[in-house]
C-alpha atoms as a PDB file:
ATOM      1  CA  MET A   1       0.000   0.000   0.000  1.00  0.00           C
ATOM      2  CA  GLN A   2       1.429   3.381  -1.007  1.00  0.00           C
ATOM      3  CA  GLU A   3       1.959   6.184   1.505  1.00  0.00           C
ATOM      4  CA  GLU A   4      -0.141   9.332   1.308  1.00  0.00           C
ATOM      5  CA  LYS A   5       1.228  11.709  -1.304  1.00  0.00           C
ATOM      6  CA  LYS A   6       2.076  15.201  -0.007  1.00  0.00           C
ATOM      7  CA  GLY A   7       4.813  16.334  -2.386  1.00  0.00           C
ATOM      8  CA  TYR A   8       4.907  17.174  -6.071  1.00  0.00           C
ATOM      9  CA  PHE A   9       6.132  14.887  -8.851  1.00  0.00           C
ATOM     10  CA  ILE A  10       7.770  16.423 -11.956  1.00  0.00           C
ATOM     11  CA  VAL A  11       9.031  14.399 -14.906  1.00  0.00           C
ATOM     12  CA  LEU A  12      11.132  15.505 -17.868  1.00  0.00           C
ATOM     13  CA  GLU A  13      10.475  13.501 -21.014  1.00  0.00           C
ATOM     14  CA  GLY A  14      11.389  13.617 -24.668  1.00  0.00           C
ATOM     15  CA  PRO A  15      13.168  11.851 -27.512  1.00  0.00           C
ATOM     16  CA  ASP A  16      16.875  11.133 -27.469  1.00  0.00           C
ATOM     17  CA  GLY A  17      19.083  14.193 -27.793  1.00  0.00           C
ATOM     18  CA  ALA A  18      16.431  16.664 -26.643  1.00  0.00           C
ATOM     19  CA  GLY A  19      18.561  17.810 -23.698  1.00  0.00           C
ATOM     20  CA  LYS A  20      16.635  16.317 -20.774  1.00  0.00           C
ATOM     21  CA  THR A  21      19.649  15.768 -18.535  1.00  0.00           C
ATOM     22  CA  THR A  22      20.908  19.338 -18.965  1.00  0.00           C
ATOM     23  CA  GLN A  23      17.470  20.856 -18.484  1.00  0.00           C
ATOM     24  CA  LEU A  24      16.749  18.701 -15.454  1.00  0.00           C
ATOM     25  CA  ARG A  25      19.954  19.931 -13.805  1.00  0.00           C
ATOM     26  CA  LEU A  26      19.104  23.576 -14.525  1.00  0.00           C
ATOM     27  CA  LEU A  27      15.545  23.131 -13.288  1.00  0.00           C
ATOM     28  CA  ALA A  28      16.801  21.451 -10.113  1.00  0.00           C
ATOM     29  CA  ASP A  29      19.194  24.325  -9.436  1.00  0.00           C
ATOM     30  CA  ARG A  30      16.399  26.864  -9.863  1.00  0.00           C
ATOM     31  CA  LEU A  31      13.957  24.991  -7.663  1.00  0.00           C
ATOM     32  CA  GLN A  32      16.545  24.585  -4.917  1.00  0.00           C
ATOM     33  CA  LEU A  33      17.414  28.271  -5.142  1.00  0.00           C
ATOM     34  CA  ALA A  34      13.724  29.021  -4.672  1.00  0.00           C
ATOM     35  CA  GLY A  35      13.749  27.003  -1.457  1.00  0.00           C
ATOM     36  CA  TYR A  36      12.170  23.720  -2.508  1.00  0.00           C
ATOM     37  CA  GLN A  37      13.394  20.390  -1.117  1.00  0.00           C
ATOM     38  CA  LEU A  38      14.175  18.034  -3.996  1.00  0.00           C
ATOM     39  CA  VAL A  39      14.843  14.407  -4.716  1.00  0.00           C
ATOM     40  CA  ILE A  40      16.423  13.986  -8.143  1.00  0.00           C
ATOM     41  CA  THR A  41      16.334  10.618  -9.875  1.00  0.00           C
ATOM     42  CA  ARG A  42      16.152   8.938 -13.267  1.00  0.00           C
ATOM     43  CA  GLU A  43      14.786   6.068 -15.307  1.00  0.00           C
ATOM     44  CA  PRO A  44      16.003   3.498 -15.853  1.00  0.00           C
ATOM     45  CA  GLY A  45      18.050   3.717 -12.684  1.00  0.00           C
ATOM     46  CA  GLY A  46      17.747   5.613  -9.438  1.00  0.00           C
ATOM     47  CA  THR A  47      18.215   2.543  -7.231  1.00  0.00           C
ATOM     48  CA  ARG A  48      20.925  -0.083  -6.964  1.00  0.00           C
ATOM     49  CA  LEU A  49      18.783  -2.594  -8.852  1.00  0.00           C
ATOM     50  CA  GLY A  50      17.710   0.023 -11.376  1.00  0.00           C
ATOM     51  CA  GLU A  51      21.262   1.100 -12.173  1.00  0.00           C
ATOM     52  CA  GLU A  52      22.332  -2.503 -12.714  1.00  0.00           C
ATOM     53  CA  LEU A  53      19.392  -3.084 -15.051  1.00  0.00           C
ATOM     54  CA  ARG A  54      20.091   0.209 -16.828  1.00  0.00           C
ATOM     55  CA  GLU A  55      23.548  -1.010 -17.774  1.00  0.00           C
ATOM     56  CA  ILE A  56      22.019  -4.161 -19.250  1.00  0.00           C
ATOM     57  CA  ILE A  57      19.182  -2.413 -21.089  1.00  0.00           C
ATOM     58  CA  LEU A  58      21.226   0.390 -22.665  1.00  0.00           C
ATOM     59  CA  ARG A  59      24.553  -1.369 -23.254  1.00  0.00           C
ATOM     60  CA  PRO A  60      25.500  -0.335 -26.835  1.00  0.00           C
ATOM     61  CA  ARG A  61      26.509  -3.814 -27.968  1.00  0.00           C
ATOM     62  CA  GLN A  62      23.794  -5.631 -26.075  1.00  0.00           C
ATOM     63  CA  GLU A  63      22.090  -8.007 -28.491  1.00  0.00           C
ATOM     64  CA  GLY A  64      19.262 -10.427 -28.211  1.00  0.00           C
ATOM     65  CA  ILE A  65      16.935  -8.486 -25.902  1.00  0.00           C
ATOM     66  CA  VAL A  66      13.494  -9.138 -27.331  1.00  0.00           C
ATOM     67  CA  PRO A  67      10.931  -6.316 -27.081  1.00  0.00           C
ATOM     68  CA  GLU A  68       8.921  -8.158 -24.425  1.00  0.00           C
ATOM     69  CA  ALA A  69      11.980  -8.587 -22.194  1.00  0.00           C
ATOM     70  CA  GLU A  70      12.948  -4.952 -22.753  1.00  0.00           C
ATOM     71  CA  LEU A  71       9.485  -3.842 -21.648  1.00  0.00           C
ATOM     72  CA  PHE A  72       9.556  -5.869 -18.433  1.00  0.00           C
ATOM     73  CA  LEU A  73      13.081  -4.728 -17.573  1.00  0.00           C
ATOM     74  CA  TYR A  74      11.944  -1.103 -17.739  1.00  0.00           C
ATOM     75  CA  LEU A  75       8.878  -1.882 -15.636  1.00  0.00           C
ATOM     76  CA  ALA A  76      11.020  -3.662 -13.048  1.00  0.00           C
ATOM     77  CA  CYS A  77      13.246  -0.573 -12.785  1.00  0.00           C
ATOM     78  CA  ARG A  78      10.188   1.639 -12.370  1.00  0.00           C
ATOM     79  CA  ALA A  79       8.523  -0.523  -9.723  1.00  0.00           C
ATOM     80  CA  GLN A  80      11.691  -0.493  -7.619  1.00  0.00           C
ATOM     81  CA  LEU A  81      12.177   3.254  -8.063  1.00  0.00           C
ATOM     82  CA  VAL A  82       8.598   4.065  -7.091  1.00  0.00           C
ATOM     83  CA  GLN A  83       8.624   2.042  -3.875  1.00  0.00           C
ATOM     84  CA  GLU A  84      12.206   2.769  -2.813  1.00  0.00           C
ATOM     85  CA  VAL A  85      12.583   6.441  -3.775  1.00  0.00           C
ATOM     86  CA  ILE A  86       9.587   8.286  -5.202  1.00  0.00           C
ATOM     87  CA  VAL A  87       6.750   7.356  -2.849  1.00  0.00           C
ATOM     88  CA  PRO A  88       8.767   7.933   0.359  1.00  0.00           C
ATOM     89  CA  ALA A  89       9.970  11.321  -0.902  1.00  0.00           C
ATOM     90  CA  LEU A  90       6.471  12.444  -1.867  1.00  0.00           C
ATOM     91  CA  ALA A  91       5.154  11.310   1.501  1.00  0.00           C
ATOM     92  CA  LYS A  92       7.658  13.701   3.132  1.00  0.00           C
ATOM     93  CA  GLY A  93       6.356  16.595   1.045  1.00  0.00           C
ATOM     94  CA  LYS A  94       9.359  16.848  -1.257  1.00  0.00           C
ATOM     95  CA  ILE A  95       9.450  17.628  -4.959  1.00  0.00           C
ATOM     96  CA  VAL A  96      10.590  14.607  -6.945  1.00  0.00           C
ATOM     97  CA  LEU A  97      12.313  15.497 -10.205  1.00  0.00           C
ATOM     98  CA  CYS A  98      12.705  12.495 -12.494  1.00  0.00           C
ATOM     99  CA  ASP A  99      14.453  12.043 -15.850  1.00  0.00           C
ATOM    100  CA  ARG A 100      11.837   9.883 -17.652  1.00  0.00           C
ATOM    101  CA  PHE A 101       8.923   7.892 -16.232  1.00  0.00           C
ATOM    102  CA  SER A 102       5.890   6.063 -17.597  1.00  0.00           C
ATOM    103  CA  ASP A 103       5.423   8.260 -20.683  1.00  0.00           C
ATOM    104  CA  SER A 104       8.718   6.864 -21.964  1.00  0.00           C
ATOM    105  CA  THR A 105       7.177   3.400 -21.995  1.00  0.00           C
ATOM    106  CA  PHE A 106       4.253   4.590 -24.095  1.00  0.00           C
ATOM    107  CA  ALA A 107       6.620   6.440 -26.440  1.00  0.00           C
ATOM    108  CA  TYR A 108       9.381   3.852 -26.859  1.00  0.00           C
ATOM    109  CA  GLN A 109       7.677   0.515 -26.263  1.00  0.00           C
ATOM    110  CA  GLY A 110       4.303   1.745 -27.562  1.00  0.00           C
ATOM    111  CA  GLY A 111       5.144   4.117 -30.388  1.00  0.00           C
ATOM    112  CA  GLY A 112       8.556   2.660 -31.119  1.00  0.00           C
ATOM    113  CA  ARG A 113       7.981  -1.072 -30.610  1.00  0.00           C
ATOM    114  CA  GLY A 114       4.271  -1.194 -31.336  1.00  0.00           C
ATOM    115  CA  PHE A 115       2.869  -2.574 -28.086  1.00  0.00           C
ATOM    116  CA  PRO A 116      -0.841  -1.705 -27.693  1.00  0.00           C
ATOM    117  CA  ARG A 117      -1.447   1.239 -25.369  1.00  0.00           C
ATOM    118  CA  GLU A 118      -4.059  -0.626 -23.319  1.00  0.00           C
ATOM    119  CA  ILE A 119      -1.565  -3.393 -22.495  1.00  0.00           C
ATOM    120  CA  LEU A 120       1.090  -0.863 -21.536  1.00  0.00           C
ATOM    121  CA  ALA A 121      -1.410   1.007 -19.363  1.00  0.00           C
ATOM    122  CA  PHE A 122      -2.326  -2.185 -17.509  1.00  0.00           C
ATOM    123  CA  LEU A 123       1.282  -3.284 -16.961  1.00  0.00           C
ATOM    124  CA  ASN A 124       2.358   0.195 -15.889  1.00  0.00           C
ATOM    125  CA  ARG A 125      -0.424   0.272 -13.317  1.00  0.00           C
ATOM    126  CA  VAL A 126       0.826  -3.048 -11.939  1.00  0.00           C
ATOM    127  CA  ALA A 127       4.291  -1.488 -11.601  1.00  0.00           C
ATOM    128  CA  VAL A 128       3.345   1.888 -10.080  1.00  0.00           C
ATOM    129  CA  GLY A 129      -0.191   1.555  -8.740  1.00  0.00           C
ATOM    130  CA  ASP A 130      -2.151   4.794  -9.098  1.00  0.00           C
ATOM    131  CA  LEU A 131       0.926   7.048  -8.962  1.00  0.00           C
ATOM    132  CA  GLU A 132       1.070   9.623 -11.748  1.00  0.00           C
ATOM    133  CA  PRO A 133       3.320  12.655 -12.249  1.00  0.00           C
ATOM    134  CA  ASP A 134       1.806  16.028 -11.386  1.00  0.00           C
ATOM    135  CA  CYS A 135       3.694  17.695 -14.228  1.00  0.00           C
ATOM    136  CA  VAL A 136       5.246  16.172 -17.357  1.00  0.00           C
ATOM    137  CA  VAL A 137       7.549  18.406 -19.386  1.00  0.00           C
ATOM    138  CA  ILE A 138       8.054  16.981 -22.870  1.00  0.00           C
ATOM    139  CA  LEU A 139      11.063  18.417 -24.669  1.00  0.00           C
ATOM    140  CA  ASP A 140      10.302  18.186 -28.375  1.00  0.00           C
ATOM    141  CA  LEU A 141      12.959  17.888 -31.067  1.00  0.00           C
ATOM    142  CA  PRO A 142      12.968  16.306 -34.539  1.00  0.00           C
ATOM    143  CA  PRO A 143      14.750  12.931 -34.254  1.00  0.00           C
ATOM    144  CA  GLU A 144      17.261  13.789 -36.962  1.00  0.00           C
ATOM    145  CA  GLU A 145      18.468  16.753 -34.927  1.00  0.00           C
ATOM    146  CA  GLY A 146      18.375  14.896 -31.634  1.00  0.00           C
ATOM    147  CA  LEU A 147      20.470  11.984 -32.850  1.00  0.00           C
ATOM    148  CA  LYS A 148      22.932  14.372 -34.437  1.00  0.00           C
ATOM    149  CA  ARG A 149      23.357  16.057 -31.058  1.00  0.00           C
ATOM    150  CA  GLY A 150      23.869  12.687 -29.385  1.00  0.00           C
ATOM    151  CA  LYS A 151      26.634  11.654 -31.734  1.00  0.00           C
ATOM    152  CA  LYS A 152      28.551  14.841 -30.916  1.00  0.00           C
ATOM    153  CA  CYS A 153      28.233  14.481 -27.157  1.00  0.00           C
ATOM    154  CA  GLN A 154      28.621  10.794 -26.371  1.00  0.00           C
ATOM    155  CA  LYS A 155      28.551   7.219 -27.531  1.00  0.00           C
ATOM    156  CA  LEU A 156      25.070   6.156 -28.561  1.00  0.00           C
ATOM    157  CA  ASP A 157      23.280   3.626 -26.368  1.00  0.00           C
ATOM    158  CA  ARG A 158      21.311   0.642 -27.644  1.00  0.00           C
ATOM    159  CA  LEU A 159      18.059   2.525 -28.215  1.00  0.00           C
ATOM    160  CA  GLU A 160      19.755   5.521 -29.790  1.00  0.00           C
ATOM    161  CA  THR A 161      21.163   3.245 -32.489  1.00  0.00           C
ATOM    162  CA  GLU A 162      17.678   2.220 -33.643  1.00  0.00           C
ATOM    163  CA  LYS A 163      16.645   3.230 -37.166  1.00  0.00           C
ATOM    164  CA  ILE A 164      15.321   6.728 -37.742  1.00  0.00           C
ATOM    165  CA  GLU A 165      11.787   5.398 -38.321  1.00  0.00           C
ATOM    166  CA  PHE A 166      11.760   4.074 -34.749  1.00  0.00           C
ATOM    167  CA  HIS A 167      12.661   7.506 -33.378  1.00  0.00           C
ATOM    168  CA  ARG A 168      10.028   9.192 -35.542  1.00  0.00           C
ATOM    169  CA  ARG A 169       7.367   6.922 -34.066  1.00  0.00           C
ATOM    170  CA  VAL A 170       8.647   7.721 -30.573  1.00  0.00           C
ATOM    171  CA  ARG A 171       8.303  11.435 -31.216  1.00  0.00           C
ATOM    172  CA  GLU A 172       4.827  11.006 -32.711  1.00  0.00           C
ATOM    173  CA  GLU A 173       3.631   9.256 -29.566  1.00  0.00           C
ATOM    174  CA  TYR A 174       5.059  11.997 -27.357  1.00  0.00           C
ATOM    175  CA  LEU A 175       3.254  14.600 -29.458  1.00  0.00           C
ATOM    176  CA  ARG A 176       0.027  12.594 -29.290  1.00  0.00           C
ATOM    177  CA  ARG A 177       0.215  12.448 -25.502  1.00  0.00           C
ATOM    178  CA  ALA A 178       1.008  16.150 -25.233  1.00  0.00           C
ATOM    179  CA  ALA A 179      -2.033  16.931 -27.373  1.00  0.00           C
ATOM    180  CA  SER A 180      -4.375  14.751 -25.289  1.00  0.00           C
ATOM    181  CA  GLY A 181      -5.784  17.694 -23.350  1.00  0.00           C
ATOM    182  CA  ASP A 182      -4.283  16.512 -20.063  1.00  0.00           C
ATOM    183  CA  ARG A 183      -3.181  19.709 -18.293  1.00  0.00           C
ATOM    184  CA  ARG A 184      -0.265  17.909 -16.649  1.00  0.00           C
ATOM    185  CA  TYR A 185       1.604  17.985 -19.970  1.00  0.00           C
ATOM    186  CA  ALA A 186       3.767  20.880 -21.123  1.00  0.00           C
ATOM    187  CA  LEU A 187       5.221  20.572 -24.630  1.00  0.00           C
ATOM    188  CA  ILE A 188       8.466  22.533 -24.888  1.00  0.00           C
ATOM    189  CA  ASP A 189      10.382  23.334 -28.079  1.00  0.00           C
ATOM    190  CA  ALA A 190      13.898  22.012 -27.359  1.00  0.00           C
ATOM    191  CA  ARG A 191      15.482  24.037 -30.160  1.00  0.00           C
ATOM    192  CA  GLY A 192      17.478  27.141 -29.336  1.00  0.00           C
ATOM    193  CA  SER A 193      20.124  27.870 -26.722  1.00  0.00           C
ATOM    194  CA  ILE A 194      20.275  25.956 -23.442  1.00  0.00           C
ATOM    195  CA  GLU A 195      19.199  29.088 -21.574  1.00  0.00           C
ATOM    196  CA  GLU A 196      16.266  29.738 -23.927  1.00  0.00           C
ATOM    197  CA  VAL A 197      14.976  26.207 -23.425  1.00  0.00           C
ATOM    198  CA  HIS A 198      15.501  26.477 -19.666  1.00  0.00           C
ATOM    199  CA  GLN A 199      13.352  29.600 -19.509  1.00  0.00           C
ATOM    200  CA  ARG A 200      10.566  27.776 -21.358  1.00  0.00           C
ATOM    201  CA  VAL A 201      10.807  24.832 -18.963  1.00  0.00           C
ATOM    202  CA  TRP A 202      10.839  27.085 -15.889  1.00  0.00           C
ATOM    203  CA  LYS A 203       7.796  29.003 -17.070  1.00  0.00           C
ATOM    204  CA  ALA A 204       5.843  25.776 -17.590  1.00  0.00           C
ATOM    205  CA  VAL A 205       6.860  24.226 -14.267  1.00  0.00           C
ATOM    206  CA  SER A 206       6.555  27.306 -12.044  1.00  0.00           C
ATOM    207  CA  TYR A 207       3.066  27.943 -13.421  1.00  0.00           C
ATOM    208  CA  ARG A 208       1.959  24.455 -12.358  1.00  0.00           C
ATOM    209  CA  LEU A 209       3.494  24.339  -8.882  1.00  0.00           C
ATOM    210  CA  PRO A 210       0.797  24.439  -6.173  1.00  0.00           C
ATOM    211  CA  ILE A 211       2.910  26.963  -4.236  1.00  0.00           C
ATOM    212  CA  ARG A 212       4.642  29.453  -6.493  1.00  0.00           C
ATOM    213  CA  ALA A 213       8.391  29.805  -6.191  1.00  0.00           C
ATOM    214  CA  GLU A 214       9.760  33.323  -5.813  1.00  0.00           C
ATOM    215  CA  GLU A 215      11.449  34.712  -8.904  1.00  0.00           C
ATOM    216  CA  GLU A 216      15.173  35.244  -8.757  1.00  0.00           C
END
């Protein structure tokens, strides 16, 4: 049984190369400066088990992981993260800032791999119960540009080496979710300078916080 939620749960999402890690760090700095208590985590990862599974899932030369196994590995990471990190932090009234969460499953395993949304919704509920983010910032970037960025910055992981059609389907699913009418979603153009994108993210997040942070 999950503890009562008192905090606020923010997730940064988006296709590969959109700048999530950089923007999450900048958002965390700004929230902390405004006086909020944060727990910062990521998917897959965030726990000892999750980090071990992350290395397996994203290993560049990892071969032979069938889509079904990939899906359940991600869900295992998420279940552990929710119970070990996210739920306890929210119960203490903290803001949880997470790099990816359940929308990634719908985008990558749904849009990318083709799993039906209703199956993903059921399995995700098994993994996380009724927990949902309060705010989901989706950084949007054409996959061609995102993958080009990734090649300049680091070695590509297993998913980043998928064909361009896979990444186009991932982006389409993110856009579909952002356009669903759910007010938790904020679609942010990830093009432009790092500071320009940060200001867009901050505007979207600060507007949604139940208690407004003071401007710098």
